[in-house]
N, C-alpha and C. Protein backbone atom coordinates (compact mmCIF):
# COMPACT_ATOMS: atom_id res chain seq x y z
N MET A 1 68.34 -20.18 -7.53
CA MET A 1 68.01 -20.92 -6.33
C MET A 1 69.00 -21.86 -6.14
N SER A 2 69.69 -21.49 -5.23
CA SER A 2 70.67 -23.02 -5.19
C SER A 2 70.35 -24.19 -4.78
N GLY A 3 69.72 -24.41 -3.78
CA GLY A 3 68.93 -25.56 -3.53
C GLY A 3 70.02 -26.66 -2.25
N GLU A 4 70.87 -26.07 -2.44
CA GLU A 4 71.86 -26.78 -1.18
C GLU A 4 71.24 -27.23 0.02
N LYS A 5 71.05 -28.55 0.78
CA LYS A 5 71.06 -28.87 1.88
C LYS A 5 71.26 -28.45 3.30
N ILE A 6 71.21 -27.69 3.78
CA ILE A 6 71.27 -27.44 5.17
C ILE A 6 70.73 -27.54 6.34
N LEU A 7 71.47 -28.10 7.58
CA LEU A 7 71.23 -28.72 8.53
C LEU A 7 71.20 -27.92 9.59
N VAL A 8 69.90 -27.24 10.45
CA VAL A 8 70.52 -26.64 11.45
C VAL A 8 70.13 -27.40 12.59
N VAL A 9 71.59 -27.02 13.97
CA VAL A 9 71.32 -27.91 14.66
C VAL A 9 71.44 -27.04 15.90
N GLU A 10 70.21 -26.48 16.50
CA GLU A 10 70.14 -24.97 17.66
C GLU A 10 69.25 -25.67 18.41
N ASP A 11 69.31 -25.37 19.95
CA ASP A 11 68.45 -25.74 20.43
C ASP A 11 67.50 -24.97 21.21
N ASP A 12 68.51 -23.52 20.67
CA ASP A 12 67.32 -22.40 21.01
C ASP A 12 65.75 -22.10 19.63
N ARG A 13 64.90 -21.96 20.08
CA ARG A 13 64.22 -22.49 19.09
C ARG A 13 63.79 -21.08 17.86
N THR A 14 63.93 -20.07 18.62
CA THR A 14 63.63 -18.63 18.15
C THR A 14 64.99 -18.37 16.77
N ILE A 15 66.05 -18.85 18.04
CA ILE A 15 67.05 -18.03 16.80
C ILE A 15 67.33 -19.26 15.49
N ALA A 16 66.80 -20.68 15.96
CA ALA A 16 66.55 -21.99 14.63
C ALA A 16 66.36 -21.20 13.97
N ARG A 17 64.77 -21.00 14.21
CA ARG A 17 63.71 -21.01 13.15
C ARG A 17 64.30 -19.44 12.31
N PHE A 18 64.59 -18.59 12.85
CA PHE A 18 64.94 -17.23 12.15
C PHE A 18 65.94 -17.39 10.92
N VAL A 19 66.94 -18.31 11.80
CA VAL A 19 68.38 -18.97 10.16
C VAL A 19 67.25 -19.56 9.50
N GLU A 20 66.49 -20.36 9.76
CA GLU A 20 65.54 -21.52 9.23
C GLU A 20 65.17 -20.77 8.01
N LEU A 21 64.27 -19.57 8.58
CA LEU A 21 63.84 -19.02 7.04
C LEU A 21 64.58 -17.74 6.65
N GLU A 22 65.64 -17.66 7.10
CA GLU A 22 66.51 -16.75 6.20
C GLU A 22 67.38 -17.63 4.96
N LEU A 23 67.39 -18.73 5.40
CA LEU A 23 68.22 -19.32 4.23
C LEU A 23 67.20 -20.05 3.64
N MET A 24 66.09 -20.56 3.73
CA MET A 24 65.33 -20.59 2.91
C MET A 24 64.82 -19.52 1.68
N HIS A 25 65.01 -18.03 2.04
CA HIS A 25 64.51 -17.12 1.55
C HIS A 25 65.37 -17.13 0.42
N VAL A 26 66.58 -17.74 0.48
CA VAL A 26 67.64 -17.04 -0.63
C VAL A 26 67.91 -18.43 -1.13
N GLY A 27 67.11 -19.51 -0.81
CA GLY A 27 66.76 -20.85 -1.95
C GLY A 27 67.79 -21.95 -1.22
N TYR A 28 67.83 -22.22 0.08
CA TYR A 28 68.66 -23.39 0.33
C TYR A 28 67.32 -24.53 0.96
N GLN A 29 67.72 -25.52 1.12
CA GLN A 29 66.95 -26.68 1.30
C GLN A 29 67.39 -26.66 3.10
N VAL A 30 66.34 -26.43 3.90
CA VAL A 30 66.77 -26.33 5.32
C VAL A 30 65.97 -27.08 6.31
N SER A 31 66.89 -28.39 7.11
CA SER A 31 65.90 -28.89 8.05
C SER A 31 66.80 -28.46 9.22
N ARG A 32 66.03 -28.68 10.53
CA ARG A 32 66.56 -28.18 11.93
C ARG A 32 65.93 -29.44 12.88
N VAL A 33 67.39 -29.70 13.76
CA VAL A 33 67.08 -30.38 14.79
C VAL A 33 67.84 -29.47 15.70
N ASP A 34 67.55 -30.27 17.27
CA ASP A 34 68.05 -29.03 18.29
C ASP A 34 68.56 -30.07 19.74
N ASP A 35 69.33 -31.09 19.08
CA ASP A 35 69.93 -31.73 19.88
C ASP A 35 71.14 -32.47 19.34
N GLY A 36 72.11 -32.77 19.52
CA GLY A 36 72.97 -33.60 18.85
C GLY A 36 72.83 -34.94 18.48
N SER A 37 72.16 -35.89 19.05
CA SER A 37 71.81 -37.17 18.40
C SER A 37 70.54 -37.11 17.64
N SER A 38 70.08 -35.94 17.83
CA SER A 38 69.31 -35.93 16.45
C SER A 38 69.80 -35.61 15.69
N ALA A 39 70.77 -34.90 15.71
CA ALA A 39 71.49 -34.12 14.25
C ALA A 39 72.82 -35.54 14.04
N LEU A 40 73.13 -36.28 14.60
CA LEU A 40 73.66 -37.02 13.88
C LEU A 40 72.83 -38.56 13.48
N GLU A 41 72.04 -38.79 13.57
CA GLU A 41 70.86 -39.66 12.73
C GLU A 41 70.34 -39.02 11.40
N ALA A 42 70.60 -37.59 11.64
CA ALA A 42 69.24 -36.92 10.37
C ALA A 42 70.78 -37.12 9.53
N ILE A 43 71.87 -36.88 10.03
CA ILE A 43 73.04 -36.60 8.95
C ILE A 43 73.24 -38.15 7.93
N ALA A 44 73.10 -39.15 9.26
CA ALA A 44 73.35 -40.80 9.08
C ALA A 44 72.24 -40.56 8.02
N ALA A 45 71.60 -40.32 8.03
CA ALA A 45 70.24 -40.55 6.86
C ALA A 45 70.34 -39.59 5.58
N GLU A 46 71.13 -38.49 5.65
CA GLU A 46 70.67 -37.74 4.38
C GLU A 46 71.84 -37.03 4.56
N GLU A 47 73.24 -37.11 4.47
CA GLU A 47 74.35 -36.23 4.66
C GLU A 47 73.97 -34.79 4.15
N PRO A 48 74.20 -33.48 4.44
CA PRO A 48 73.19 -32.41 4.13
C PRO A 48 75.03 -31.56 3.29
N ASP A 49 74.40 -30.41 2.74
CA ASP A 49 75.43 -30.25 1.59
C ASP A 49 76.40 -29.11 3.00
N LEU A 50 75.74 -29.05 3.83
CA LEU A 50 76.28 -28.17 5.14
C LEU A 50 75.97 -28.42 6.66
N LEU A 51 76.59 -28.26 7.41
CA LEU A 51 75.98 -28.62 8.93
C LEU A 51 76.27 -27.15 9.58
N ILE A 52 75.13 -26.64 10.38
CA ILE A 52 75.15 -25.19 11.05
C ILE A 52 75.25 -25.48 12.46
N LEU A 53 76.20 -25.54 13.32
CA LEU A 53 76.02 -26.37 14.73
C LEU A 53 76.64 -25.88 16.07
N ASP A 54 75.53 -25.62 16.53
CA ASP A 54 75.57 -24.42 18.23
C ASP A 54 76.73 -25.62 18.85
N LEU A 55 77.42 -24.45 19.34
CA LEU A 55 77.91 -25.33 20.31
C LEU A 55 77.57 -25.85 21.72
N MET A 56 77.02 -25.29 22.64
CA MET A 56 75.90 -25.64 23.23
C MET A 56 74.59 -26.22 23.05
N LEU A 57 74.67 -27.80 23.17
CA LEU A 57 73.55 -28.45 22.98
C LEU A 57 72.88 -29.42 24.29
N PRO A 58 72.14 -29.57 24.04
CA PRO A 58 71.35 -30.69 25.55
C PRO A 58 72.39 -31.94 24.88
N GLY A 59 72.48 -33.07 25.97
CA GLY A 59 73.10 -34.16 25.95
C GLY A 59 74.46 -33.67 25.12
N PHE A 60 74.72 -34.41 24.12
CA PHE A 60 76.51 -33.82 24.00
C PHE A 60 76.63 -32.68 23.15
N ASP A 61 77.28 -31.82 23.22
CA ASP A 61 77.47 -30.63 22.43
C ASP A 61 77.96 -30.57 21.37
N GLY A 62 78.56 -29.20 20.52
CA GLY A 62 78.48 -29.15 19.42
C GLY A 62 79.48 -29.94 19.29
N ILE A 63 80.87 -29.62 19.91
CA ILE A 63 82.44 -30.38 20.08
C ILE A 63 82.19 -31.82 19.99
N GLU A 64 81.49 -32.50 20.42
CA GLU A 64 81.02 -33.77 20.33
C GLU A 64 80.79 -34.27 18.71
N VAL A 65 79.33 -33.85 18.89
CA VAL A 65 79.01 -33.94 17.26
C VAL A 65 79.81 -33.78 16.19
N ALA A 66 80.65 -32.84 16.07
CA ALA A 66 81.98 -32.55 15.34
C ALA A 66 82.77 -33.59 15.48
N ARG A 67 83.29 -34.48 16.40
CA ARG A 67 84.37 -35.33 16.53
C ARG A 67 83.65 -36.15 16.13
N ARG A 68 82.58 -36.71 16.09
CA ARG A 68 81.86 -38.24 16.00
C ARG A 68 81.52 -38.05 14.45
N LEU A 69 81.53 -37.07 13.82
CA LEU A 69 81.27 -37.06 12.37
C LEU A 69 82.38 -36.94 11.75
N ARG A 70 83.54 -36.41 11.82
CA ARG A 70 85.34 -36.42 11.93
C ARG A 70 85.70 -38.36 11.91
N ASP A 71 85.31 -38.43 13.18
CA ASP A 71 85.46 -39.94 13.68
C ASP A 71 84.96 -41.32 12.71
N SER A 72 83.65 -40.90 11.98
CA SER A 72 82.99 -41.41 10.92
C SER A 72 83.42 -41.04 9.34
N GLU A 73 84.50 -40.40 9.32
CA GLU A 73 85.15 -39.83 8.06
C GLU A 73 83.63 -39.13 6.95
N SER A 74 82.89 -38.56 8.02
CA SER A 74 82.01 -37.58 7.07
C SER A 74 82.69 -36.17 6.95
N ALA A 75 82.94 -35.97 5.76
CA ALA A 75 83.65 -34.53 5.33
C ALA A 75 82.19 -33.79 5.34
N VAL A 76 81.03 -33.49 5.87
CA VAL A 76 80.16 -32.54 5.50
C VAL A 76 80.81 -31.25 6.19
N PRO A 77 81.24 -30.24 5.93
CA PRO A 77 81.23 -28.67 5.94
C PRO A 77 81.00 -28.38 7.13
N ILE A 78 81.34 -27.69 8.28
CA ILE A 78 80.46 -27.86 9.94
C ILE A 78 81.09 -26.11 9.81
N LEU A 79 79.84 -25.33 10.12
CA LEU A 79 79.74 -24.16 10.49
C LEU A 79 79.30 -23.86 12.30
N MET A 80 79.91 -23.53 12.53
CA MET A 80 80.13 -23.85 14.56
C MET A 80 79.46 -22.20 15.04
N LEU A 81 78.32 -22.38 15.78
CA LEU A 81 78.10 -21.14 16.27
C LEU A 81 77.98 -21.19 17.87
N THR A 82 79.03 -20.19 18.30
CA THR A 82 79.06 -20.16 19.50
C THR A 82 79.01 -18.32 20.39
N ALA A 83 79.17 -18.59 21.45
CA ALA A 83 78.81 -17.36 22.18
C ALA A 83 80.03 -17.35 22.84
N LYS A 84 81.25 -18.41 22.75
CA LYS A 84 82.69 -18.58 23.09
C LYS A 84 83.27 -17.47 22.25
N ALA A 85 84.41 -17.15 22.79
CA ALA A 85 85.36 -16.35 22.00
C ALA A 85 86.32 -16.61 22.31
N GLU A 86 86.79 -17.07 23.45
CA GLU A 86 88.58 -17.21 23.79
C GLU A 86 89.25 -18.00 22.84
N THR A 87 90.65 -17.64 22.61
CA THR A 87 91.51 -18.78 21.66
C THR A 87 91.25 -20.31 21.96
N HIS A 88 91.07 -20.28 22.92
CA HIS A 88 91.08 -21.78 23.58
C HIS A 88 89.94 -22.32 22.57
N ASP A 89 88.69 -21.84 22.78
CA ASP A 89 87.36 -22.35 22.38
C ASP A 89 87.07 -22.55 20.99
N VAL A 90 87.82 -21.42 20.23
CA VAL A 90 88.12 -21.66 18.90
C VAL A 90 89.19 -22.76 18.41
N VAL A 91 89.99 -22.90 19.14
CA VAL A 91 90.76 -23.64 18.26
C VAL A 91 90.33 -24.96 19.03
N GLU A 92 89.42 -25.41 20.14
CA GLU A 92 88.83 -26.78 20.17
C GLU A 92 88.20 -26.94 19.00
N GLY A 93 86.85 -25.80 18.91
CA GLY A 93 86.35 -26.18 17.79
C GLY A 93 86.81 -26.69 16.56
N PHE A 94 87.91 -26.15 16.41
CA PHE A 94 88.56 -26.55 14.47
C PHE A 94 89.01 -27.77 14.75
N ASP A 95 89.69 -27.63 16.19
CA ASP A 95 90.48 -29.42 16.13
C ASP A 95 89.42 -30.86 16.34
N ALA A 96 88.64 -30.24 16.58
CA ALA A 96 86.97 -31.33 16.97
C ALA A 96 86.54 -31.70 15.35
N GLY A 97 86.64 -30.46 14.44
CA GLY A 97 86.65 -30.73 12.61
C GLY A 97 85.53 -29.71 12.36
N ALA A 98 85.70 -28.89 12.92
CA ALA A 98 84.69 -27.31 12.34
C ALA A 98 85.43 -26.91 11.00
N ASP A 99 84.87 -26.74 10.35
CA ASP A 99 85.23 -25.47 9.19
C ASP A 99 85.35 -24.09 9.47
N ASP A 100 84.53 -23.91 10.15
CA ASP A 100 84.37 -22.03 10.13
C ASP A 100 83.44 -21.83 12.23
N TYR A 101 84.09 -21.05 12.31
CA TYR A 101 83.46 -20.09 13.30
C TYR A 101 82.63 -18.84 13.25
N LEU A 102 81.46 -18.89 13.88
CA LEU A 102 80.77 -17.89 14.25
C LEU A 102 80.41 -17.65 15.24
N LYS A 103 80.88 -16.25 15.65
CA LYS A 103 80.37 -16.12 17.28
C LYS A 103 79.05 -15.46 17.38
N LYS A 104 77.84 -15.69 18.45
CA LYS A 104 77.02 -14.73 18.60
C LYS A 104 77.16 -13.58 19.44
N PRO A 105 76.63 -12.61 19.06
CA PRO A 105 75.16 -12.53 18.17
C PRO A 105 75.83 -12.23 17.08
N PHE A 106 75.19 -12.73 15.99
CA PHE A 106 75.45 -12.37 14.47
C PHE A 106 74.60 -11.59 13.13
N GLU A 107 75.13 -10.84 12.48
CA GLU A 107 74.44 -10.80 11.62
C GLU A 107 73.90 -11.74 10.36
N ILE A 108 73.08 -11.81 9.87
CA ILE A 108 72.32 -12.60 8.50
C ILE A 108 73.40 -12.11 7.78
N PRO A 109 73.58 -11.12 7.17
CA PRO A 109 74.52 -10.73 6.31
C PRO A 109 75.80 -12.10 6.27
N GLU A 110 76.65 -11.68 7.34
CA GLU A 110 78.01 -12.78 7.60
C GLU A 110 77.23 -14.06 8.14
N LEU A 111 76.37 -14.58 8.14
CA LEU A 111 76.15 -16.09 8.30
C LEU A 111 75.84 -16.11 6.60
N LEU A 112 75.22 -15.49 6.04
CA LEU A 112 75.22 -15.64 4.48
C LEU A 112 76.41 -16.03 3.76
N SER A 113 77.30 -15.16 4.05
CA SER A 113 78.48 -15.21 3.55
C SER A 113 79.43 -16.75 3.64
N ARG A 114 79.63 -16.62 4.93
CA ARG A 114 79.69 -17.75 5.38
C ARG A 114 79.61 -19.53 4.78
N VAL A 115 78.22 -19.34 4.77
CA VAL A 115 77.66 -20.20 4.16
C VAL A 115 77.92 -20.80 3.03
N ARG A 116 78.19 -19.77 2.05
CA ARG A 116 78.71 -19.09 0.43
C ARG A 116 79.81 -19.85 0.42
N ALA A 117 80.32 -19.03 0.87
CA ALA A 117 82.23 -19.33 1.18
C ALA A 117 82.70 -20.97 1.51
N LEU A 118 81.67 -21.31 2.28
CA LEU A 118 81.87 -23.06 2.72
C LEU A 118 81.76 -23.98 1.37
N LEU A 119 79.96 -24.01 0.99
CA LEU A 119 80.04 -24.23 -0.41
C LEU A 119 80.71 -24.58 -1.11
N LYS A 120 80.76 -23.11 -1.65
CA LYS A 120 81.89 -22.69 -2.58
C LYS A 120 83.53 -23.51 -2.51
N ARG A 121 83.72 -23.72 -1.16
CA ARG A 121 85.42 -24.19 -1.27
C ARG A 121 85.14 -25.58 -1.50
N THR A 122 83.73 -26.33 -0.79
CA THR A 122 83.92 -27.77 -0.98
C THR A 122 83.45 -27.96 -2.26
N GLU A 123 82.51 -27.16 -3.07
CA GLU A 123 83.05 -27.04 -4.51
C GLU A 123 84.04 -27.74 -5.13
N ARG A 124 84.92 -26.80 -4.63
CA ARG A 124 86.28 -26.53 -5.46
C ARG A 124 86.64 -27.96 -5.18
N ASP A 125 87.20 -28.26 -3.66
CA ASP A 125 87.96 -29.07 -3.61
C ASP A 125 87.43 -30.52 -4.21
N ARG A 126 86.05 -30.79 -4.68
CA ARG A 126 85.93 -31.58 -5.35
C ARG A 126 86.53 -31.72 -6.58
N GLY A 127 87.06 -30.65 -6.87
CA GLY A 127 87.63 -31.01 -8.24
C GLY A 127 88.81 -32.03 -8.00
N GLY A 128 89.36 -32.14 -7.47
CA GLY A 128 89.83 -33.55 -7.20
C GLY A 128 91.73 -33.25 -7.92
N GLN A 129 92.11 -31.42 -7.51
CA GLN A 129 93.25 -31.24 -7.65
C GLN A 129 94.00 -31.69 -6.64
N LYS A 130 95.32 -31.84 -7.08
CA LYS A 130 96.46 -32.43 -6.03
C LYS A 130 97.62 -31.17 -5.99
N LEU A 131 98.11 -30.92 -4.98
CA LEU A 131 99.20 -29.67 -4.58
C LEU A 131 100.20 -30.74 -4.21
N VAL A 132 101.35 -29.75 -4.13
CA VAL A 132 102.56 -30.75 -3.93
C VAL A 132 103.58 -29.68 -3.78
N ALA A 133 104.68 -29.79 -2.78
CA ALA A 133 105.62 -28.41 -2.53
C ALA A 133 106.36 -29.03 -1.24
N SER A 134 107.92 -29.25 -1.24
CA SER A 134 108.36 -29.39 0.10
C SER A 134 108.22 -30.83 0.41
N GLY A 135 108.15 -31.82 -0.31
CA GLY A 135 107.58 -33.23 -0.10
C GLY A 135 106.49 -33.11 0.65
N ILE A 136 105.67 -32.14 0.65
CA ILE A 136 104.37 -32.50 0.96
C ILE A 136 103.46 -32.50 -0.28
N GLU A 137 101.93 -33.63 0.17
CA GLU A 137 101.50 -33.85 -1.05
C GLU A 137 100.02 -33.81 -0.50
N VAL A 138 99.14 -32.96 -0.79
CA VAL A 138 97.59 -32.52 -0.57
C VAL A 138 96.75 -33.04 -1.93
N ASP A 139 95.94 -33.78 -1.13
CA ASP A 139 94.91 -34.51 -2.35
C ASP A 139 93.27 -33.26 -1.68
N MET A 140 92.79 -32.75 -2.70
CA MET A 140 91.65 -31.96 -2.35
C MET A 140 90.70 -32.77 -2.49
N LEU A 141 90.52 -33.42 -3.48
CA LEU A 141 89.38 -34.56 -3.39
C LEU A 141 89.15 -35.14 -2.07
N SER A 142 89.98 -35.95 -1.64
CA SER A 142 90.24 -36.89 -0.30
C SER A 142 90.15 -36.18 0.83
N ARG A 143 90.30 -34.96 0.98
CA ARG A 143 90.94 -34.14 1.69
C ARG A 143 91.96 -35.14 2.68
N ARG A 144 92.88 -35.10 2.23
CA ARG A 144 94.28 -36.22 2.67
C ARG A 144 95.67 -35.73 2.38
N ALA A 145 96.26 -35.84 3.30
CA ALA A 145 97.79 -34.95 2.84
C ALA A 145 98.66 -36.29 3.47
N ALA A 146 100.43 -35.69 3.14
CA ALA A 146 101.08 -36.71 2.96
C ALA A 146 102.47 -35.88 2.97
N ARG A 147 103.71 -36.08 4.04
CA ARG A 147 104.81 -35.95 3.88
C ARG A 147 105.79 -37.14 3.22
N ASP A 148 106.18 -37.09 2.12
CA ASP A 148 106.92 -38.25 1.79
C ASP A 148 106.49 -39.15 1.95
N GLY A 149 105.16 -39.16 1.02
CA GLY A 149 104.38 -40.78 1.15
C GLY A 149 103.55 -41.06 2.44
N ASN A 150 104.00 -40.38 3.88
CA ASN A 150 103.83 -41.05 4.91
C ASN A 150 102.56 -39.79 5.64
N PRO A 151 101.42 -40.60 5.33
CA PRO A 151 100.38 -39.99 5.95
C PRO A 151 100.10 -38.72 7.37
N LEU A 152 99.67 -37.85 7.19
CA LEU A 152 99.66 -36.49 7.98
C LEU A 152 97.86 -37.10 8.36
N ASP A 153 98.26 -36.93 9.78
CA ASP A 153 96.81 -37.15 11.00
C ASP A 153 96.59 -35.39 10.96
N LEU A 154 95.88 -35.06 10.38
CA LEU A 154 95.37 -33.52 10.36
C LEU A 154 93.90 -33.03 10.94
N THR A 155 93.64 -32.29 11.30
CA THR A 155 92.34 -31.73 11.73
C THR A 155 91.83 -31.03 10.40
N ALA A 156 90.30 -30.81 10.67
CA ALA A 156 89.66 -30.30 8.90
C ALA A 156 90.73 -28.73 8.84
N LYS A 157 90.47 -28.25 9.68
CA LYS A 157 91.04 -26.66 9.86
C LYS A 157 92.58 -26.69 9.42
N GLU A 158 93.57 -27.80 10.38
CA GLU A 158 95.10 -27.65 9.90
C GLU A 158 95.08 -28.27 8.23
N PHE A 159 94.11 -29.38 7.77
CA PHE A 159 94.37 -29.40 6.40
C PHE A 159 94.29 -27.94 5.67
N ASP A 160 92.87 -27.04 5.93
CA ASP A 160 92.62 -26.15 5.13
C ASP A 160 93.65 -24.93 5.41
N LEU A 161 94.59 -24.88 5.91
CA LEU A 161 95.68 -24.10 6.03
C LEU A 161 96.89 -25.08 5.64
N LEU A 162 97.37 -26.27 5.59
CA LEU A 162 98.11 -26.60 4.94
C LEU A 162 97.89 -26.32 3.76
N ALA A 163 96.51 -26.62 2.58
CA ALA A 163 96.13 -26.53 1.87
C ALA A 163 96.40 -25.37 0.80
N TYR A 164 96.26 -24.19 1.98
CA TYR A 164 96.53 -23.05 1.00
C TYR A 164 98.14 -22.39 1.33
N LEU A 165 99.05 -23.38 2.53
CA LEU A 165 100.35 -22.72 2.05
C LEU A 165 101.01 -23.60 1.03
N VAL A 166 100.36 -24.90 0.82
CA VAL A 166 100.87 -25.50 -0.73
C VAL A 166 100.65 -24.90 -1.69
N ARG A 167 99.42 -24.14 -1.45
CA ARG A 167 98.94 -23.57 -2.69
C ARG A 167 99.77 -22.31 -3.43
N ASN A 168 100.26 -21.78 -2.01
CA ASN A 168 100.78 -20.62 -1.97
C ASN A 168 102.29 -20.59 -2.02
N ALA A 169 102.88 -21.94 -2.05
CA ALA A 169 104.16 -22.00 -2.12
C ALA A 169 105.06 -20.94 -2.57
N GLY A 170 105.99 -20.80 -2.14
CA GLY A 170 107.23 -20.00 -2.85
C GLY A 170 107.07 -18.62 -2.68
N ARG A 171 105.87 -17.88 -2.29
CA ARG A 171 105.90 -16.23 -1.94
C ARG A 171 105.36 -16.11 -0.50
N VAL A 172 105.86 -15.07 -0.05
CA VAL A 172 105.25 -14.81 1.43
C VAL A 172 103.89 -14.15 1.15
N ILE A 173 102.82 -15.33 2.28
CA ILE A 173 101.23 -15.11 2.38
C ILE A 173 101.34 -14.23 3.43
N PRO A 174 100.29 -13.01 3.22
CA PRO A 174 100.23 -11.86 4.38
C PRO A 174 99.51 -12.76 5.46
N ARG A 175 99.36 -12.01 7.07
CA ARG A 175 99.02 -13.16 7.99
C ARG A 175 97.13 -12.71 7.82
N ASP A 176 96.82 -11.44 7.31
CA ASP A 176 95.52 -11.11 7.24
C ASP A 176 94.91 -12.09 5.84
N GLU A 177 95.68 -12.17 4.43
CA GLU A 177 95.01 -12.56 3.68
C GLU A 177 94.94 -14.55 4.11
N ILE A 178 95.96 -15.12 4.95
CA ILE A 178 95.88 -16.46 5.35
C ILE A 178 94.10 -16.30 5.85
N LEU A 179 94.22 -15.51 7.14
CA LEU A 179 92.75 -15.64 7.85
C LEU A 179 91.50 -14.99 7.09
N GLU A 180 91.63 -14.50 5.95
CA GLU A 180 90.48 -14.18 5.28
C GLU A 180 90.35 -15.63 4.17
N ALA A 181 91.37 -16.08 3.88
CA ALA A 181 91.20 -17.37 3.15
C ALA A 181 90.98 -18.48 3.94
N VAL A 182 91.40 -18.60 5.43
CA VAL A 182 91.23 -19.85 5.72
C VAL A 182 90.39 -19.99 7.16
N TRP A 183 90.10 -18.68 7.49
CA TRP A 183 89.18 -18.91 8.50
C TRP A 183 87.78 -17.74 8.51
N GLY A 184 88.09 -17.07 7.39
CA GLY A 184 86.55 -15.89 7.11
C GLY A 184 86.99 -14.74 7.18
N SER A 185 86.36 -13.59 6.80
CA SER A 185 86.21 -12.83 6.91
C SER A 185 86.15 -12.05 8.10
N GLY A 186 87.53 -11.43 8.74
CA GLY A 186 87.37 -10.82 10.15
C GLY A 186 87.44 -12.05 11.49
N ASN A 187 87.00 -13.52 10.65
CA ASN A 187 86.84 -14.46 11.95
C ASN A 187 88.41 -14.51 12.37
N ALA A 188 88.65 -14.57 13.93
CA ALA A 188 89.74 -15.09 14.60
C ALA A 188 90.84 -13.95 14.94
N THR A 189 90.44 -12.95 13.68
CA THR A 189 91.61 -11.67 13.97
C THR A 189 91.35 -10.79 14.94
N GLY A 190 92.69 -10.67 15.62
CA GLY A 190 93.57 -10.02 16.87
C GLY A 190 93.35 -10.88 17.37
N SER A 191 93.23 -12.61 17.44
CA SER A 191 93.56 -13.52 18.59
C SER A 191 94.65 -14.35 17.71
N ASN A 192 95.11 -15.07 18.40
CA ASN A 192 97.05 -15.74 18.08
C ASN A 192 95.99 -17.34 17.55
N VAL A 193 94.99 -17.67 17.05
CA VAL A 193 94.84 -18.90 16.22
C VAL A 193 95.98 -19.32 15.24
N ILE A 194 96.07 -18.14 14.54
CA ILE A 194 96.67 -18.70 13.54
C ILE A 194 97.87 -19.24 13.76
N GLU A 195 99.00 -18.63 14.74
CA GLU A 195 99.94 -19.08 15.48
C GLU A 195 99.95 -20.23 16.19
N VAL A 196 98.80 -20.72 16.75
CA VAL A 196 98.55 -22.22 17.43
C VAL A 196 98.86 -23.18 16.06
N PHE A 197 97.84 -22.74 15.17
CA PHE A 197 97.19 -23.76 14.04
C PHE A 197 98.94 -24.16 13.28
N VAL A 198 98.94 -22.83 13.29
CA VAL A 198 100.57 -22.62 12.25
C VAL A 198 101.77 -24.05 13.05
N CYS A 199 101.85 -24.09 14.70
CA CYS A 199 102.78 -24.54 15.33
C CYS A 199 102.36 -26.17 15.22
N HIS A 200 101.17 -26.32 14.97
CA HIS A 200 100.54 -27.60 15.05
C HIS A 200 100.90 -27.86 13.62
N LEU A 201 101.01 -27.38 12.42
CA LEU A 201 101.76 -28.34 11.44
C LEU A 201 102.60 -28.29 11.23
N ARG A 202 103.41 -27.15 12.02
CA ARG A 202 105.02 -27.30 11.77
C ARG A 202 105.53 -28.93 12.92
N ASN A 203 104.82 -29.32 13.85
CA ASN A 203 104.98 -30.47 14.60
C ASN A 203 104.39 -31.52 13.82
N LYS A 204 103.23 -31.48 13.17
CA LYS A 204 103.09 -32.90 12.35
C LYS A 204 103.64 -32.83 11.08
N ILE A 205 104.37 -32.01 10.28
CA ILE A 205 104.78 -32.22 9.10
C ILE A 205 106.46 -32.17 9.36
N SER A 206 106.99 -32.29 10.62
CA SER A 206 107.95 -32.58 11.34
C SER A 206 108.95 -31.40 11.15
N ASP A 207 108.45 -30.13 11.09
CA ASP A 207 109.53 -28.96 10.00
C ASP A 207 109.81 -28.56 11.69
N ARG A 208 110.85 -28.88 12.66
CA ARG A 208 111.45 -28.25 13.74
C ARG A 208 112.35 -27.31 13.64
N GLU A 209 113.02 -27.27 12.18
CA GLU A 209 113.78 -26.08 11.90
C GLU A 209 113.10 -25.08 11.63
N ASN A 210 111.66 -24.87 11.27
CA ASN A 210 110.84 -24.03 10.45
C ASN A 210 111.55 -23.60 9.40
N THR A 211 112.00 -24.69 8.53
CA THR A 211 112.50 -24.56 7.24
C THR A 211 111.37 -24.47 6.22
N ILE A 212 110.20 -25.11 6.44
CA ILE A 212 109.22 -25.69 5.44
C ILE A 212 108.22 -24.15 5.63
N ILE A 213 107.49 -23.87 6.87
CA ILE A 213 106.94 -23.13 7.10
C ILE A 213 107.78 -21.63 7.47
N GLN A 214 107.81 -20.79 7.10
CA GLN A 214 108.83 -19.45 8.10
C GLN A 214 108.13 -18.88 8.29
N THR A 215 108.57 -18.00 9.45
CA THR A 215 107.43 -16.92 9.87
C THR A 215 108.04 -15.96 9.22
N ILE A 216 107.37 -14.71 8.63
CA ILE A 216 108.29 -13.63 8.28
C ILE A 216 107.60 -12.77 8.94
N ARG A 217 108.12 -12.25 10.33
CA ARG A 217 107.94 -11.06 11.17
C ARG A 217 107.13 -9.99 11.00
N GLY A 218 105.99 -9.67 11.49
CA GLY A 218 105.25 -8.50 11.05
C GLY A 218 104.39 -8.39 9.72
N VAL A 219 104.86 -9.74 9.18
CA VAL A 219 104.00 -9.62 7.93
C VAL A 219 102.90 -11.17 7.27
N GLY A 220 103.63 -12.09 7.91
CA GLY A 220 102.92 -13.20 7.39
C GLY A 220 103.97 -14.90 7.47
N TYR A 221 103.44 -15.67 6.23
CA TYR A 221 104.25 -16.87 6.58
C TYR A 221 104.94 -17.23 5.17
N PHE A 222 105.80 -17.96 4.78
CA PHE A 222 106.41 -18.50 3.44
C PHE A 222 106.71 -19.97 3.33
N PHE A 223 106.04 -20.72 2.75
CA PHE A 223 105.51 -21.99 2.63
C PHE A 223 106.91 -21.77 1.46
N ALA A 224 108.03 -22.95 1.68
CA ALA A 224 108.97 -23.28 0.62
C ALA A 224 108.26 -24.05 -0.30
N ARG A 225 108.90 -23.91 -1.26
CA ARG A 225 108.63 -24.93 -2.38
C ARG A 225 109.52 -26.45 -2.44
N GLY A 226 110.39 -26.07 -1.70
CA GLY A 226 111.32 -27.83 -1.88
C GLY A 226 112.20 -28.24 -2.89
């Protein structure tokens, strides 16, 4: 039994109860609320180990909940649930601070797989490892990054992508491998989400000549060791 605390924020009571029961069945401690205001109050009272957050909520939506949490410097991992699957919707969720994205309707095994992956990633990040390549320093414990000592203003998903690229600097990283490691199995496949986020990173680390993050056409990306 794992015992990690998970908060489910979902206004559809049938879905919320179903998810709650499945999570409890495998050993998680689960609480649930049905709107954004209640979610923020619950997290302020006792931050969970993971937040499962529906995009469409009464009051303010999941995007606003994620933004407010990240603005308050909360690092709770967020798995966002939504029926929207367009690239700009996915990017908006990640930009707001979501760590992963799961399209409705979903199968419980996939949900549980995403939950395990996010909790495992969080545990690994707390190990305090620092990664360095091409003047980029990534602190996994504080989830902060800098270039040549200058802090980088990154969203949660931009940080995850940069950390993976820096960790694997010096080798060509296949696109599918990045999607699997940073976005989860099958998530965002077939879209240009990864290209959008690589573009964001290039702008933020001032890689205008694309010499740090290089596109290897038909394969993936190469992050220079520097």
